[in-house]
Amino acid sequence: MSQAVADRGLQLLTQAQLENNRLALEKDKRLESRALMRLTLPALLIVGLLMVAPIAWLLSMSLFGQNGELSFENYSLFFDEPVYRDMFLNTFEVAFLVTLVTVLLGYPVSYLLVILPARWSGLLMLAVLVPFWTSGLVRTFSWIIILQRNGVINSLLVHLGIIHHPIPLVYNMTGVIVGMVHIMVPFLVLPLYASMKAIDGNLLRAAANLGATPAHAFRTIFLPLSMPGLIAGTIMVFVMCLGYYITPSILGGGKVKMIAQRIQESLSLYPTWGPAAALAVLLLAVTAICLGASLLLVRQLSSSR
C-alpha cells in the first residue's frame, strides 16, 4: 500500500515538473519573440515609410476629384469610359499571352536543366542568366533590329524564299510578346528549376520498375510535384507583365496600350494625378489578388505532396 502511494506521488510530481517545464518553454518562446520583434522593428519602420506610406498616399490621391473634394470620380472613369476598360482588357491579354508562351518555353528548359549532366546544365543555366546581365532597354532595342522590316528575321525568310515581302514583326502585338517573353523566361525558369531539383529521382525509377512508361511517370509523378514551382513562376511572370512599361511602349510603337503607359501619359501629358492614382490602385488590387491566389494554391499543393 505504501509503495502504491509512493508511486502515485512520484507520478504527480513528474506531471507537475512536465507542466512547469512546458510553462517555462512557453515563457522563453514569448521572450524570444519579443526580442526578435525589437530587433526587426527598425526594418519594419523602414518598410512602412518606403512602401506602406506611398501606397496610402496613392490611395488618398485617387479618392479626390478634380474639384478637390472626396469622391469616387476617378474610379468611375473605369466604368464610364470604354477606353479604360479596353486598356485593362488589353493589358490582361498581353500578360496572359506572354505568360502562356513563357510557360511553354520555360518548362522544357527547366526540365533540361535538371536531367542534363552538370557540365551542360551549367552552360544552359548560363544562357538563361545572360539576360539578367544586360539592360532591359538595350535588349528591347536589339529586338527592333532583329524584327524590323529589313531586320535579321525578315531578311533570312526572304532569302530562303519562305516569304516574298517582309512581314510586320515589330510595332505591334507580336513584337511586344516576343520582347516580353525574352525578358520573362528567366523569372519562370529559376523557381521552376528549384522545384524540379527537389524532386526525388528515385520516384521516377520506382515507377519505371513498376512498368510505367516515361510519359506516364512524368505525367503522374514529375508534373504534379513540380506544380508549386510552376504556379509560383507563372504568377510572378503574370504580375510583372501587368505593370510592364518599357517593352510595350517601344516594341508596340504606340499601337499596344497597357495600363502602365496610360499612367505615365496621365502624369506627363495631362498632369492629372487622380485618374493615374486610381489606375495604379486598381492594378495594385489585381496584383494582390493574384498573389493571394497563388499563395493559396502553392500551400494546397505543398500540403498534398
C-alpha atoms as a PDB file:
ATOM      1  CA  MET A   1       0.000   0.000   0.000  1.00  0.00           C
ATOM      2  CA  SER A   2       2.773   2.403   0.881  1.00  0.00           C
ATOM      3  CA  GLN A   3       4.544   1.539  -2.375  1.00  0.00           C
ATOM      4  CA  ALA A   4       1.422   2.420  -4.406  1.00  0.00           C
ATOM      5  CA  VAL A   5       1.108   5.722  -2.567  1.00  0.00           C
ATOM      6  CA  ALA A   6       4.778   6.474  -3.268  1.00  0.00           C
ATOM      7  CA  ASP A   7       4.363   5.649  -6.979  1.00  0.00           C
ATOM      8  CA  ARG A   8       1.284   7.852  -7.143  1.00  0.00           C
ATOM      9  CA  GLY A   9       3.140  10.734  -5.541  1.00  0.00           C
ATOM     10  CA  LEU A  10       6.063  10.274  -7.922  1.00  0.00           C
ATOM     11  CA  GLN A  11       3.697  10.325 -10.872  1.00  0.00           C
ATOM     12  CA  LEU A  12       2.050  13.532  -9.672  1.00  0.00           C
ATOM     13  CA  LEU A  13       5.470  15.086  -9.124  1.00  0.00           C
ATOM     14  CA  THR A  14       6.562  14.123 -12.641  1.00  0.00           C
ATOM     15  CA  GLN A  15       3.420  15.632 -14.142  1.00  0.00           C
ATOM     16  CA  ALA A  16       3.967  18.815 -12.170  1.00  0.00           C
ATOM     17  CA  GLN A  17       7.554  19.014 -13.406  1.00  0.00           C
ATOM     18  CA  LEU A  18       6.411  18.494 -17.006  1.00  0.00           C
ATOM     19  CA  GLU A  19       3.820  21.240 -16.634  1.00  0.00           C
ATOM     20  CA  ASN A  20       6.417  23.580 -15.158  1.00  0.00           C
ATOM     21  CA  ASN A  21       8.793  22.793 -17.999  1.00  0.00           C
ATOM     22  CA  ARG A  22       6.059  23.465 -20.566  1.00  0.00           C
ATOM     23  CA  LEU A  23       5.245  26.813 -18.982  1.00  0.00           C
ATOM     24  CA  ALA A  24       8.932  27.733 -18.834  1.00  0.00           C
ATOM     25  CA  LEU A  25       9.385  26.857 -22.523  1.00  0.00           C
ATOM     26  CA  GLU A  26       6.360  28.940 -23.488  1.00  0.00           C
ATOM     27  CA  LYS A  27       7.725  31.861 -21.463  1.00  0.00           C
ATOM     28  CA  ASP A  28      11.120  31.566 -23.169  1.00  0.00           C
ATOM     29  CA  LYS A  29       9.388  31.436 -26.541  1.00  0.00           C
ATOM     30  CA  ARG A  30       7.466  34.629 -25.806  1.00  0.00           C
ATOM     31  CA  LEU A  31      10.620  36.374 -24.619  1.00  0.00           C
ATOM     32  CA  GLU A  32      12.480  35.269 -27.742  1.00  0.00           C
ATOM     33  CA  SER A  33       9.648  36.504 -29.976  1.00  0.00           C
ATOM     34  CA  ARG A  34       9.673  39.890 -28.254  1.00  0.00           C
ATOM     35  CA  ALA A  35      13.442  40.128 -28.616  1.00  0.00           C
ATOM     36  CA  LEU A  36      13.215  39.316 -32.349  1.00  0.00           C
ATOM     37  CA  MET A  37      10.429  41.881 -32.733  1.00  0.00           C
ATOM     38  CA  ARG A  38      12.603  44.544 -31.157  1.00  0.00           C
ATOM     39  CA  LEU A  39      15.457  43.617 -33.499  1.00  0.00           C
ATOM     40  CA  THR A  40      13.251  43.810 -36.593  1.00  0.00           C
ATOM     41  CA  LEU A  41      11.449  46.988 -35.539  1.00  0.00           C
ATOM     42  CA  PRO A  42      13.861  49.346 -37.407  1.00  0.00           C
ATOM     43  CA  ALA A  43      13.436  47.323 -40.597  1.00  0.00           C
ATOM     44  CA  LEU A  44       9.647  47.341 -40.191  1.00  0.00           C
ATOM     45  CA  LEU A  45       9.686  51.113 -39.764  1.00  0.00           C
ATOM     46  CA  ILE A  46      11.748  51.498 -42.940  1.00  0.00           C
ATOM     47  CA  VAL A  47       9.343  49.244 -44.840  1.00  0.00           C
ATOM     48  CA  GLY A  48       6.428  51.257 -43.521  1.00  0.00           C
ATOM     49  CA  LEU A  49       7.985  54.535 -44.623  1.00  0.00           C
ATOM     50  CA  LEU A  50       9.126  53.347 -48.059  1.00  0.00           C
ATOM     51  CA  MET A  51       6.215  51.095 -49.018  1.00  0.00           C
ATOM     52  CA  VAL A  52       3.112  51.498 -46.896  1.00  0.00           C
ATOM     53  CA  ALA A  53       3.189  55.292 -46.752  1.00  0.00           C
ATOM     54  CA  PRO A  54       3.478  55.781 -50.561  1.00  0.00           C
ATOM     55  CA  ILE A  55       0.632  53.303 -51.142  1.00  0.00           C
ATOM     56  CA  ALA A  56      -1.523  55.135 -48.604  1.00  0.00           C
ATOM     57  CA  TRP A  57      -0.687  58.435 -50.293  1.00  0.00           C
ATOM     58  CA  LEU A  58      -1.581  56.932 -53.684  1.00  0.00           C
ATOM     59  CA  LEU A  59      -4.908  55.704 -52.334  1.00  0.00           C
ATOM     60  CA  SER A  60      -5.691  59.116 -50.879  1.00  0.00           C
ATOM     61  CA  MET A  61      -4.893  60.822 -54.204  1.00  0.00           C
ATOM     62  CA  SER A  62      -7.296  58.509 -56.028  1.00  0.00           C
ATOM     63  CA  LEU A  63     -10.167  59.493 -53.719  1.00  0.00           C
ATOM     64  CA  PHE A  64     -10.116  63.204 -54.533  1.00  0.00           C
ATOM     65  CA  GLY A  65     -11.815  64.569 -57.645  1.00  0.00           C
ATOM     66  CA  GLN A  66     -10.784  67.491 -59.830  1.00  0.00           C
ATOM     67  CA  ASN A  67     -12.529  69.945 -57.519  1.00  0.00           C
ATOM     68  CA  GLY A  68     -10.500  68.651 -54.555  1.00  0.00           C
ATOM     69  CA  GLU A  69     -13.449  67.043 -52.808  1.00  0.00           C
ATOM     70  CA  LEU A  70     -13.635  63.464 -51.587  1.00  0.00           C
ATOM     71  CA  SER A  71     -15.338  61.295 -54.237  1.00  0.00           C
ATOM     72  CA  PHE A  72     -15.069  58.161 -56.381  1.00  0.00           C
ATOM     73  CA  GLU A  73     -14.938  60.217 -59.546  1.00  0.00           C
ATOM     74  CA  ASN A  74     -11.584  58.792 -60.632  1.00  0.00           C
ATOM     75  CA  TYR A  75     -12.755  55.203 -60.213  1.00  0.00           C
ATOM     76  CA  SER A  76     -15.972  55.892 -62.126  1.00  0.00           C
ATOM     77  CA  LEU A  77     -13.862  56.595 -65.226  1.00  0.00           C
ATOM     78  CA  PHE A  78     -13.034  52.902 -65.343  1.00  0.00           C
ATOM     79  CA  PHE A  79     -16.730  52.042 -65.644  1.00  0.00           C
ATOM     80  CA  ASP A  80     -17.860  55.032 -67.731  1.00  0.00           C
ATOM     81  CA  GLU A  81     -15.026  55.340 -70.256  1.00  0.00           C
ATOM     82  CA  PRO A  82     -14.627  52.382 -72.676  1.00  0.00           C
ATOM     83  CA  VAL A  83     -11.002  53.330 -73.319  1.00  0.00           C
ATOM     84  CA  TYR A  84     -10.082  52.441 -69.746  1.00  0.00           C
ATOM     85  CA  ARG A  85     -11.843  49.084 -69.882  1.00  0.00           C
ATOM     86  CA  ASP A  86     -10.262  48.294 -73.239  1.00  0.00           C
ATOM     87  CA  MET A  87      -6.846  49.164 -71.848  1.00  0.00           C
ATOM     88  CA  PHE A  88      -7.370  46.875 -68.855  1.00  0.00           C
ATOM     89  CA  LEU A  89      -8.521  44.043 -71.128  1.00  0.00           C
ATOM     90  CA  ASN A  90      -5.568  44.641 -73.459  1.00  0.00           C
ATOM     91  CA  THR A  91      -3.188  44.577 -70.502  1.00  0.00           C
ATOM     92  CA  PHE A  92      -4.565  41.257 -69.292  1.00  0.00           C
ATOM     93  CA  GLU A  93      -4.497  39.852 -72.825  1.00  0.00           C
ATOM     94  CA  VAL A  94      -0.828  40.718 -73.241  1.00  0.00           C
ATOM     95  CA  ALA A  95       0.017  39.392 -69.765  1.00  0.00           C
ATOM     96  CA  PHE A  96      -1.845  36.141 -70.428  1.00  0.00           C
ATOM     97  CA  LEU A  97      -0.241  35.527 -73.833  1.00  0.00           C
ATOM     98  CA  VAL A  98       3.257  36.355 -72.555  1.00  0.00           C
ATOM     99  CA  THR A  99       2.769  34.084 -69.540  1.00  0.00           C
ATOM    100  CA  LEU A 100       1.480  31.236 -71.712  1.00  0.00           C
ATOM    101  CA  VAL A 101       4.404  31.426 -74.149  1.00  0.00           C
ATOM    102  CA  THR A 102       6.849  31.786 -71.260  1.00  0.00           C
ATOM    103  CA  VAL A 103       5.500  28.612 -69.621  1.00  0.00           C
ATOM    104  CA  LEU A 104       5.660  26.683 -72.910  1.00  0.00           C
ATOM    105  CA  LEU A 105       9.301  27.700 -73.354  1.00  0.00           C
ATOM    106  CA  GLY A 106      10.430  27.763 -69.724  1.00  0.00           C
ATOM    107  CA  TYR A 107       9.159  24.370 -68.576  1.00  0.00           C
ATOM    108  CA  PRO A 108      11.232  22.335 -71.094  1.00  0.00           C
ATOM    109  CA  VAL A 109      14.281  24.480 -70.324  1.00  0.00           C
ATOM    110  CA  SER A 110      13.893  23.846 -66.587  1.00  0.00           C
ATOM    111  CA  TYR A 111      13.428  20.129 -67.213  1.00  0.00           C
ATOM    112  CA  LEU A 112      16.605  20.029 -69.309  1.00  0.00           C
ATOM    113  CA  LEU A 113      18.499  21.835 -66.558  1.00  0.00           C
ATOM    114  CA  VAL A 114      17.531  19.022 -64.175  1.00  0.00           C
ATOM    115  CA  ILE A 115      18.230  15.984 -66.375  1.00  0.00           C
ATOM    116  CA  LEU A 116      21.343  17.154 -68.243  1.00  0.00           C
ATOM    117  CA  PRO A 117      24.847  16.391 -66.929  1.00  0.00           C
ATOM    118  CA  ALA A 118      26.361  19.036 -64.702  1.00  0.00           C
ATOM    119  CA  ARG A 119      28.584  20.470 -67.438  1.00  0.00           C
ATOM    120  CA  TRP A 120      25.822  21.004 -69.983  1.00  0.00           C
ATOM    121  CA  SER A 121      23.380  22.062 -67.306  1.00  0.00           C
ATOM    122  CA  GLY A 122      25.776  24.799 -66.202  1.00  0.00           C
ATOM    123  CA  LEU A 123      26.140  26.093 -69.762  1.00  0.00           C
ATOM    124  CA  LEU A 124      22.370  26.142 -70.241  1.00  0.00           C
ATOM    125  CA  MET A 125      21.892  27.933 -66.925  1.00  0.00           C
ATOM    126  CA  LEU A 126      24.485  30.486 -68.047  1.00  0.00           C
ATOM    127  CA  ALA A 127      22.461  31.086 -71.209  1.00  0.00           C
ATOM    128  CA  VAL A 128      19.334  31.583 -69.118  1.00  0.00           C
ATOM    129  CA  LEU A 129      21.026  34.060 -66.786  1.00  0.00           C
ATOM    130  CA  VAL A 130      22.727  36.133 -69.506  1.00  0.00           C
ATOM    131  CA  PRO A 131      19.664  38.414 -69.959  1.00  0.00           C
ATOM    132  CA  PHE A 132      19.990  39.448 -66.308  1.00  0.00           C
ATOM    133  CA  TRP A 133      23.387  40.933 -67.115  1.00  0.00           C
ATOM    134  CA  THR A 134      22.067  43.153 -69.899  1.00  0.00           C
ATOM    135  CA  SER A 135      19.926  46.245 -69.577  1.00  0.00           C
ATOM    136  CA  GLY A 136      16.270  45.681 -70.408  1.00  0.00           C
ATOM    137  CA  LEU A 137      16.314  48.825 -72.546  1.00  0.00           C
ATOM    138  CA  VAL A 138      19.241  47.512 -74.585  1.00  0.00           C
ATOM    139  CA  ARG A 139      17.536  44.145 -75.088  1.00  0.00           C
ATOM    140  CA  THR A 140      14.343  45.854 -76.196  1.00  0.00           C
ATOM    141  CA  PHE A 141      16.102  47.976 -78.818  1.00  0.00           C
ATOM    142  CA  SER A 142      18.021  44.920 -80.032  1.00  0.00           C
ATOM    143  CA  TRP A 143      14.689  43.266 -80.848  1.00  0.00           C
ATOM    144  CA  ILE A 144      13.858  46.229 -83.098  1.00  0.00           C
ATOM    145  CA  ILE A 145      17.000  45.486 -85.105  1.00  0.00           C
ATOM    146  CA  ILE A 146      16.090  41.792 -85.319  1.00  0.00           C
ATOM    147  CA  LEU A 147      12.361  42.157 -86.059  1.00  0.00           C
ATOM    148  CA  GLN A 148      12.174  45.267 -88.264  1.00  0.00           C
ATOM    149  CA  ARG A 149      11.261  45.064 -91.971  1.00  0.00           C
ATOM    150  CA  ASN A 150      14.900  44.899 -93.019  1.00  0.00           C
ATOM    151  CA  GLY A 151      15.959  43.036 -89.904  1.00  0.00           C
ATOM    152  CA  VAL A 152      17.631  39.691 -89.473  1.00  0.00           C
ATOM    153  CA  ILE A 153      14.485  37.532 -89.440  1.00  0.00           C
ATOM    154  CA  ASN A 154      12.734  39.135 -92.414  1.00  0.00           C
ATOM    155  CA  SER A 155      15.943  39.181 -94.464  1.00  0.00           C
ATOM    156  CA  LEU A 156      16.559  35.495 -93.724  1.00  0.00           C
ATOM    157  CA  LEU A 157      12.989  34.473 -94.574  1.00  0.00           C
ATOM    158  CA  VAL A 158      13.074  36.413 -97.853  1.00  0.00           C
ATOM    159  CA  HIS A 159      16.482  34.943 -98.730  1.00  0.00           C
ATOM    160  CA  LEU A 160      15.194  31.392 -98.112  1.00  0.00           C
ATOM    161  CA  GLY A 161      12.136  32.052-100.256  1.00  0.00           C
ATOM    162  CA  ILE A 162       9.695  31.399 -97.413  1.00  0.00           C
ATOM    163  CA  ILE A 163       8.147  34.863 -97.830  1.00  0.00           C
ATOM    164  CA  HIS A 164       8.307  37.325-100.732  1.00  0.00           C
ATOM    165  CA  HIS A 165       7.758  40.516 -98.771  1.00  0.00           C
ATOM    166  CA  PRO A 166       8.757  41.496 -95.238  1.00  0.00           C
ATOM    167  CA  ILE A 167       6.096  40.773 -92.654  1.00  0.00           C
ATOM    168  CA  PRO A 168       5.348  43.146 -89.742  1.00  0.00           C
ATOM    169  CA  LEU A 169       7.017  41.713 -86.657  1.00  0.00           C
ATOM    170  CA  VAL A 170       7.549  44.878 -84.649  1.00  0.00           C
ATOM    171  CA  TYR A 171       5.446  47.861 -83.548  1.00  0.00           C
ATOM    172  CA  ASN A 172       2.531  45.508 -82.978  1.00  0.00           C
ATOM    173  CA  MET A 173       1.351  42.790 -80.577  1.00  0.00           C
ATOM    174  CA  THR A 174       3.847  40.270 -81.985  1.00  0.00           C
ATOM    175  CA  GLY A 175       6.846  42.436 -81.200  1.00  0.00           C
ATOM    176  CA  VAL A 176       5.591  43.170 -77.674  1.00  0.00           C
ATOM    177  CA  ILE A 177       5.046  39.472 -76.887  1.00  0.00           C
ATOM    178  CA  VAL A 178       8.434  38.437 -78.304  1.00  0.00           C
ATOM    179  CA  GLY A 179      10.313  41.104 -76.365  1.00  0.00           C
ATOM    180  CA  MET A 180       8.492  40.477 -73.087  1.00  0.00           C
ATOM    181  CA  VAL A 181       8.863  36.678 -73.320  1.00  0.00           C
ATOM    182  CA  HIS A 182      12.615  37.096 -73.787  1.00  0.00           C
ATOM    183  CA  ILE A 183      12.769  39.101 -70.557  1.00  0.00           C
ATOM    184  CA  MET A 184      10.352  36.943 -68.544  1.00  0.00           C
ATOM    185  CA  VAL A 185      11.697  33.438 -69.240  1.00  0.00           C
ATOM    186  CA  PRO A 186      14.389  33.565 -66.507  1.00  0.00           C
ATOM    187  CA  PHE A 187      11.808  34.610 -63.916  1.00  0.00           C
ATOM    188  CA  LEU A 188       9.916  31.383 -64.614  1.00  0.00           C
ATOM    189  CA  VAL A 189      12.897  29.084 -65.049  1.00  0.00           C
ATOM    190  CA  LEU A 190      14.610  29.850 -61.742  1.00  0.00           C
ATOM    191  CA  PRO A 191      11.739  28.985 -59.303  1.00  0.00           C
ATOM    192  CA  LEU A 192      10.657  26.095 -61.517  1.00  0.00           C
ATOM    193  CA  TYR A 193      14.193  24.696 -61.621  1.00  0.00           C
ATOM    194  CA  ALA A 194      14.427  24.891 -57.818  1.00  0.00           C
ATOM    195  CA  SER A 195      11.132  22.984 -57.506  1.00  0.00           C
ATOM    196  CA  MET A 196      12.200  20.321 -60.021  1.00  0.00           C
ATOM    197  CA  LYS A 197      15.621  19.905 -58.429  1.00  0.00           C
ATOM    198  CA  ALA A 198      13.971  18.971 -55.129  1.00  0.00           C
ATOM    199  CA  ILE A 199      12.056  16.068 -56.710  1.00  0.00           C
ATOM    200  CA  ASP A 200      13.496  12.681 -55.739  1.00  0.00           C
ATOM    201  CA  GLY A 201      14.642  10.868 -58.875  1.00  0.00           C
ATOM    202  CA  ASN A 202      14.054   7.524 -57.181  1.00  0.00           C
ATOM    203  CA  LEU A 203      10.319   8.093 -57.590  1.00  0.00           C
ATOM    204  CA  LEU A 204      10.623   8.027 -61.379  1.00  0.00           C
ATOM    205  CA  ARG A 205      12.899   4.986 -61.277  1.00  0.00           C
ATOM    206  CA  ALA A 206      10.444   3.194 -58.981  1.00  0.00           C
ATOM    207  CA  ALA A 207       7.627   3.994 -61.408  1.00  0.00           C
ATOM    208  CA  ALA A 208       9.697   2.587 -64.283  1.00  0.00           C
ATOM    209  CA  ASN A 209      10.386  -0.606 -62.319  1.00  0.00           C
ATOM    210  CA  LEU A 210       6.639  -0.982 -61.798  1.00  0.00           C
ATOM    211  CA  GLY A 211       6.047  -0.837 -65.551  1.00  0.00           C
ATOM    212  CA  ALA A 212       5.168   2.819 -66.086  1.00  0.00           C
ATOM    213  CA  THR A 213       6.272   4.394 -69.351  1.00  0.00           C
ATOM    214  CA  PRO A 214       8.420   7.554 -69.159  1.00  0.00           C
ATOM    215  CA  ALA A 215       5.497   9.674 -70.370  1.00  0.00           C
ATOM    216  CA  HIS A 216       3.130   8.164 -67.803  1.00  0.00           C
ATOM    217  CA  ALA A 217       5.667   8.588 -64.976  1.00  0.00           C
ATOM    218  CA  PHE A 218       6.241  12.206 -65.989  1.00  0.00           C
ATOM    219  CA  ARG A 219       2.515  12.951 -66.159  1.00  0.00           C
ATOM    220  CA  THR A 220       1.564  11.282 -62.874  1.00  0.00           C
ATOM    221  CA  ILE A 221       4.668  11.935 -60.732  1.00  0.00           C
ATOM    222  CA  PHE A 222       7.024  14.619 -62.021  1.00  0.00           C
ATOM    223  CA  LEU A 223       4.474  17.131 -63.293  1.00  0.00           C
ATOM    224  CA  PRO A 224       2.326  17.205 -60.106  1.00  0.00           C
ATOM    225  CA  LEU A 225       5.410  17.526 -57.896  1.00  0.00           C
ATOM    226  CA  SER A 226       6.692  20.455 -59.972  1.00  0.00           C
ATOM    227  CA  MET A 227       3.387  22.338 -59.809  1.00  0.00           C
ATOM    228  CA  PRO A 228       4.273  24.547 -56.783  1.00  0.00           C
ATOM    229  CA  GLY A 229       7.287  25.964 -58.627  1.00  0.00           C
ATOM    230  CA  LEU A 230       5.314  26.260 -61.854  1.00  0.00           C
ATOM    231  CA  ILE A 231       2.488  28.158 -60.169  1.00  0.00           C
ATOM    232  CA  ALA A 232       4.884  30.467 -58.321  1.00  0.00           C
ATOM    233  CA  GLY A 233       6.820  31.261 -61.506  1.00  0.00           C
ATOM    234  CA  THR A 234       3.647  31.696 -63.562  1.00  0.00           C
ATOM    235  CA  ILE A 235       2.107  34.142 -61.104  1.00  0.00           C
ATOM    236  CA  MET A 236       5.386  36.049 -60.851  1.00  0.00           C
ATOM    237  CA  VAL A 237       5.564  36.431 -64.626  1.00  0.00           C
ATOM    238  CA  PHE A 238       1.892  37.370 -64.927  1.00  0.00           C
ATOM    239  CA  VAL A 239       2.080  40.006 -62.203  1.00  0.00           C
ATOM    240  CA  MET A 240       5.244  41.532 -63.658  1.00  0.00           C
ATOM    241  CA  CYS A 241       3.618  41.683 -67.103  1.00  0.00           C
ATOM    242  CA  LEU A 242       0.639  43.607 -65.728  1.00  0.00           C
ATOM    243  CA  GLY A 243       2.830  46.571 -64.809  1.00  0.00           C
ATOM    244  CA  TYR A 244       5.380  46.423 -67.619  1.00  0.00           C
ATOM    245  CA  TYR A 245       6.145  49.696 -69.386  1.00  0.00           C
ATOM    246  CA  ILE A 246       9.422  49.845 -71.345  1.00  0.00           C
ATOM    247  CA  THR A 247       8.982  46.933 -73.758  1.00  0.00           C
ATOM    248  CA  PRO A 248       5.321  47.573 -74.735  1.00  0.00           C
ATOM    249  CA  SER A 249       5.947  51.284 -75.254  1.00  0.00           C
ATOM    250  CA  ILE A 250       8.968  50.691 -77.525  1.00  0.00           C
ATOM    251  CA  LEU A 251       8.099  47.485 -79.387  1.00  0.00           C
ATOM    252  CA  GLY A 252       4.398  48.354 -79.504  1.00  0.00           C
ATOM    253  CA  GLY A 253       5.026  51.610 -81.331  1.00  0.00           C
ATOM    254  CA  GLY A 254       2.047  53.240 -79.609  1.00  0.00           C
ATOM    255  CA  LYS A 255      -0.344  50.619 -81.023  1.00  0.00           C
ATOM    256  CA  VAL A 256      -0.325  48.346 -77.957  1.00  0.00           C
ATOM    257  CA  LYS A 257      -1.534  50.333 -74.961  1.00  0.00           C
ATOM    258  CA  MET A 258      -1.198  48.974 -71.439  1.00  0.00           C
ATOM    259  CA  ILE A 259      -2.066  50.339 -68.002  1.00  0.00           C
ATOM    260  CA  ALA A 260       1.454  51.485 -67.168  1.00  0.00           C
ATOM    261  CA  GLN A 261       1.597  53.558 -70.353  1.00  0.00           C
ATOM    262  CA  ARG A 262      -1.711  55.226 -69.542  1.00  0.00           C
ATOM    263  CA  ILE A 263      -0.494  56.093 -66.044  1.00  0.00           C
ATOM    264  CA  GLN A 264       2.649  57.647 -67.495  1.00  0.00           C
ATOM    265  CA  GLU A 265       0.637  59.643 -70.022  1.00  0.00           C
ATOM    266  CA  SER A 266      -1.727  60.897 -67.304  1.00  0.00           C
ATOM    267  CA  LEU A 267       1.220  62.261 -65.351  1.00  0.00           C
ATOM    268  CA  SER A 268       3.410  63.613 -68.181  1.00  0.00           C
ATOM    269  CA  LEU A 269       0.968  64.802 -70.862  1.00  0.00           C
ATOM    270  CA  TYR A 270      -2.018  65.602 -68.657  1.00  0.00           C
ATOM    271  CA  PRO A 271      -0.952  66.386 -65.071  1.00  0.00           C
ATOM    272  CA  THR A 272      -3.932  64.587 -63.543  1.00  0.00           C
ATOM    273  CA  TRP A 273      -2.854  62.622 -60.501  1.00  0.00           C
ATOM    274  CA  GLY A 274      -6.329  61.387 -59.603  1.00  0.00           C
ATOM    275  CA  PRO A 275      -7.061  59.086 -62.591  1.00  0.00           C
ATOM    276  CA  ALA A 276      -3.457  57.873 -62.635  1.00  0.00           C
ATOM    277  CA  ALA A 277      -3.610  57.038 -58.932  1.00  0.00           C
ATOM    278  CA  ALA A 278      -6.937  55.236 -59.399  1.00  0.00           C
ATOM    279  CA  LEU A 279      -5.466  53.101 -62.194  1.00  0.00           C
ATOM    280  CA  ALA A 280      -2.448  52.334 -60.035  1.00  0.00           C
ATOM    281  CA  VAL A 281      -4.665  51.323 -57.105  1.00  0.00           C
ATOM    282  CA  LEU A 282      -6.775  49.053 -59.323  1.00  0.00           C
ATOM    283  CA  LEU A 283      -3.632  47.461 -60.730  1.00  0.00           C
ATOM    284  CA  LEU A 284      -2.268  47.008 -57.209  1.00  0.00           C
ATOM    285  CA  ALA A 285      -5.518  45.361 -56.105  1.00  0.00           C
ATOM    286  CA  VAL A 286      -5.453  42.922 -59.026  1.00  0.00           C
ATOM    287  CA  THR A 287      -1.818  42.129 -58.269  1.00  0.00           C
ATOM    288  CA  ALA A 288      -2.635  41.438 -54.613  1.00  0.00           C
ATOM    289  CA  ILE A 289      -5.488  39.122 -55.636  1.00  0.00           C
ATOM    290  CA  CYS A 290      -3.191  37.184 -57.982  1.00  0.00           C
ATOM    291  CA  LEU A 291      -0.510  36.854 -55.324  1.00  0.00           C
ATOM    292  CA  GLY A 292      -3.050  35.712 -52.728  1.00  0.00           C
ATOM    293  CA  ALA A 293      -4.490  33.113 -55.105  1.00  0.00           C
ATOM    294  CA  SER A 294      -1.026  31.795 -55.940  1.00  0.00           C
ATOM    295  CA  LEU A 295      -0.133  31.544 -52.244  1.00  0.00           C
ATOM    296  CA  LEU A 296      -3.265  29.506 -51.530  1.00  0.00           C
ATOM    297  CA  LEU A 297      -2.600  27.198 -54.496  1.00  0.00           C
ATOM    298  CA  VAL A 298       1.032  26.644 -53.546  1.00  0.00           C
ATOM    299  CA  ARG A 299       0.091  25.884 -49.930  1.00  0.00           C
ATOM    300  CA  GLN A 300      -2.611  23.486 -51.026  1.00  0.00           C
ATOM    301  CA  LEU A 301      -0.309  21.646 -53.409  1.00  0.00           C
ATOM    302  CA  SER A 302       2.525  21.551 -50.883  1.00  0.00           C
ATOM    303  CA  SER A 303       0.258  20.101 -48.195  1.00  0.00           C
ATOM    304  CA  SER A 304      -0.971  17.385 -50.549  1.00  0.00           C
ATOM    305  CA  ARG A 305       2.504  16.174 -51.540  1.00  0.00           C
END
